[in-house]
Protein backbone atom coordinates (compact mmCIF):
# COMPACT_ATOMS: atom_id res chain seq x y z
CA MET A 1 -17.36 10.76 20.07
CA LYS A 2 -13.76 9.16 19.60
CA THR A 3 -11.90 10.29 16.40
CA VAL A 4 -10.12 7.41 14.35
CA LYS A 5 -7.92 9.15 11.63
CA VAL A 6 -6.77 6.61 8.95
CA VAL A 7 -5.55 6.89 5.52
CA ALA A 8 -6.54 4.66 2.48
CA ALA A 9 -5.06 4.11 -0.94
CA VAL A 10 -6.94 4.46 -4.03
CA ILE A 11 -4.39 1.90 -5.95
CA CYS A 12 -4.81 2.83 -9.74
CA ASP A 13 -3.02 1.11 -12.72
CA SER A 14 -1.12 4.44 -13.49
CA LEU A 15 -1.27 7.56 -11.91
CA ASP A 16 -1.28 9.22 -15.24
CA GLU A 17 -3.85 7.63 -16.72
CA LYS A 18 -6.47 5.89 -13.75
CA LYS A 19 -8.33 3.29 -16.01
CA GLN A 20 -8.77 0.78 -12.96
CA ILE A 21 -8.47 0.94 -9.31
CA PHE A 22 -7.87 -1.64 -6.67
CA ALA A 23 -10.65 -2.40 -4.06
CA THR A 24 -10.50 -5.02 -1.28
CA ALA A 25 -13.57 -7.00 0.64
CA ARG A 26 -13.28 -7.07 4.58
CA GLY A 27 -12.97 -10.69 5.51
CA TYR A 28 -14.00 -10.04 9.19
CA GLY A 29 -16.03 -7.90 11.74
CA GLU A 30 -19.32 -5.89 11.34
CA PHE A 31 -18.70 -4.92 7.75
CA LYS A 32 -17.46 -8.33 6.37
CA ASP A 33 -17.78 -8.83 2.97
CA GLN A 34 -18.21 -5.13 2.21
CA TRP A 35 -15.46 -3.31 0.02
CA GLU A 36 -13.04 -0.57 0.63
CA PHE A 37 -9.77 1.02 -0.33
CA PRO A 38 -6.85 -0.61 1.69
CA GLY A 39 -5.11 1.40 4.23
CA GLY A 40 -5.22 2.01 7.89
CA LYS A 41 -4.39 4.04 11.16
CA VAL A 42 -2.10 6.86 11.10
CA GLU A 43 0.59 5.98 13.96
CA ALA A 44 2.14 9.02 16.23
CA GLY A 45 4.85 10.76 14.57
CA GLU A 46 3.79 9.27 10.76
CA THR A 47 2.73 11.59 7.82
CA PRO A 48 -0.36 10.38 6.10
CA GLN A 49 1.73 9.30 3.35
CA GLN A 50 4.27 7.37 5.42
CA ALA A 51 1.40 5.51 7.28
CA LEU A 52 -0.26 4.43 3.88
CA ILE A 53 3.34 3.24 2.61
CA ARG A 54 3.42 1.29 5.63
CA GLU A 55 0.07 -0.30 5.99
CA ILE A 56 -0.08 -1.30 2.38
CA LYS A 57 3.05 -3.23 2.83
CA GLU A 58 1.80 -4.82 5.83
CA GLU A 59 -1.44 -5.58 4.19
CA LEU A 60 -0.66 -6.51 0.93
CA GLU A 61 3.10 -6.90 0.81
CA THR A 62 3.59 -4.32 -1.80
CA ASP A 63 5.41 -1.03 -2.35
CA ILE A 64 3.40 2.13 -3.54
CA LYS A 65 4.15 5.52 -4.68
CA VAL A 66 1.66 7.98 -2.98
CA GLY A 67 0.26 10.33 -5.38
CA GLU A 68 -2.14 13.48 -4.78
CA LEU A 69 -4.70 13.62 -2.11
CA ILE A 70 -8.25 12.78 -3.51
CA GLY A 71 -9.96 14.06 -0.45
CA THR A 72 -10.45 13.69 3.64
CA ILE A 73 -13.80 11.76 3.99
CA GLU A 74 -15.50 12.73 7.33
CA TYR A 75 -18.02 9.97 8.30
CA ASP A 76 -19.91 9.03 11.59
CA TYR A 77 -20.24 5.47 12.36
CA PRO A 78 -22.46 4.32 15.26
CA THR A 79 -19.37 4.35 17.43
CA PHE A 80 -16.70 6.49 16.31
CA HIS A 81 -15.87 9.30 14.01
CA LEU A 82 -13.71 8.52 10.95
CA SER A 83 -11.53 10.81 9.34
CA MET A 84 -10.01 9.38 6.26
CA ASP A 85 -7.23 10.86 3.91
CA CYS A 86 -7.55 9.02 0.36
CA PHE A 87 -4.82 9.29 -1.91
CA TRP A 88 -4.41 8.11 -5.30
CA CYS A 89 -1.41 5.49 -5.49
CA GLU A 90 0.28 3.20 -7.76
CA VAL A 91 2.21 -0.04 -7.18
CA ILE A 92 6.23 0.01 -7.80
CA GLU A 93 7.21 -3.35 -6.69
CA GLY A 94 5.34 -6.36 -5.52
CA ASP A 95 2.07 -8.36 -6.45
CA LEU A 96 -0.81 -7.19 -4.16
CA LYS A 97 -0.95 -10.45 -1.78
CA LEU A 98 -4.32 -10.40 -0.06
CA LEU A 99 -2.80 -10.81 3.41
CA GLU A 100 -5.65 -9.31 5.35
CA ALA A 101 -8.60 -8.86 3.13
CA GLU A 102 -11.01 -11.72 1.78
CA SER A 103 -11.14 -11.04 -2.00
CA ALA A 104 -9.73 -8.12 -4.09
CA ARG A 105 -11.09 -6.67 -7.55
CA TRP A 106 -9.53 -4.36 -10.16
CA LEU A 107 -12.40 -1.75 -11.03
CA THR A 108 -12.90 0.07 -14.36
CA LYS A 109 -14.96 3.24 -14.27
CA ASN A 110 -18.04 1.72 -15.53
CA ILE A 111 -18.28 -1.17 -12.57
CA LEU A 112 -17.30 1.10 -9.67
CA TYR A 113 -20.76 0.62 -8.32
CA ASP A 114 -20.86 -3.22 -8.94
CA VAL A 115 -19.48 -3.95 -5.36
CA GLN A 116 -21.24 -2.97 -2.11
CA TRP A 117 -18.56 -0.48 -0.54
CA LEU A 118 -18.30 0.57 3.24
CA PRO A 119 -20.51 3.35 4.27
CA ALA A 120 -17.54 5.88 4.26
CA ASP A 121 -15.79 4.78 1.24
CA ILE A 122 -18.90 5.00 -1.28
CA THR A 123 -18.78 8.76 -0.26
CA LEU A 124 -15.60 9.24 -2.37
CA ILE A 125 -16.77 6.94 -5.38
CA ALA A 126 -18.41 9.89 -7.51
CA GLU A 127 -15.28 12.06 -7.19
CA ILE A 128 -13.21 9.13 -8.26
CA GLU A 129 -15.06 8.33 -11.15
CA LYS A 130 -15.03 11.88 -12.08
CA ARG A 131 -10.96 11.78 -12.42
CA MET A 132 -10.66 8.07 -14.08
CA GLU A 133 -10.34 7.73 -17.97
């Protein structure tokens, strides 16, 4: 099975406090309307952090600061294996413009489960919930 290496930004309102996180809904494909953390594939020669900065600039026209690694999700979809490094991030410049996603929401700790997460992303929600204020 092919492995796809990606990175995801768990963008929060503040790396120090983490009261809200930013999630986006897919506007296309098999998982349309399901929610995820923005990010994408790591290109050859990039560190995960560099990939995340580039992907968020492309998807949201926003500059971010990449914080600590929350965890790496290993998940088997029917046609590929996903290996996803998930990092805490915060916006340093820009307004989070949706260039690829269909919708977006800021979620507080008490409403993290109010959206339908993608199968891989949901595996990280309990860990994020523990670390939010």
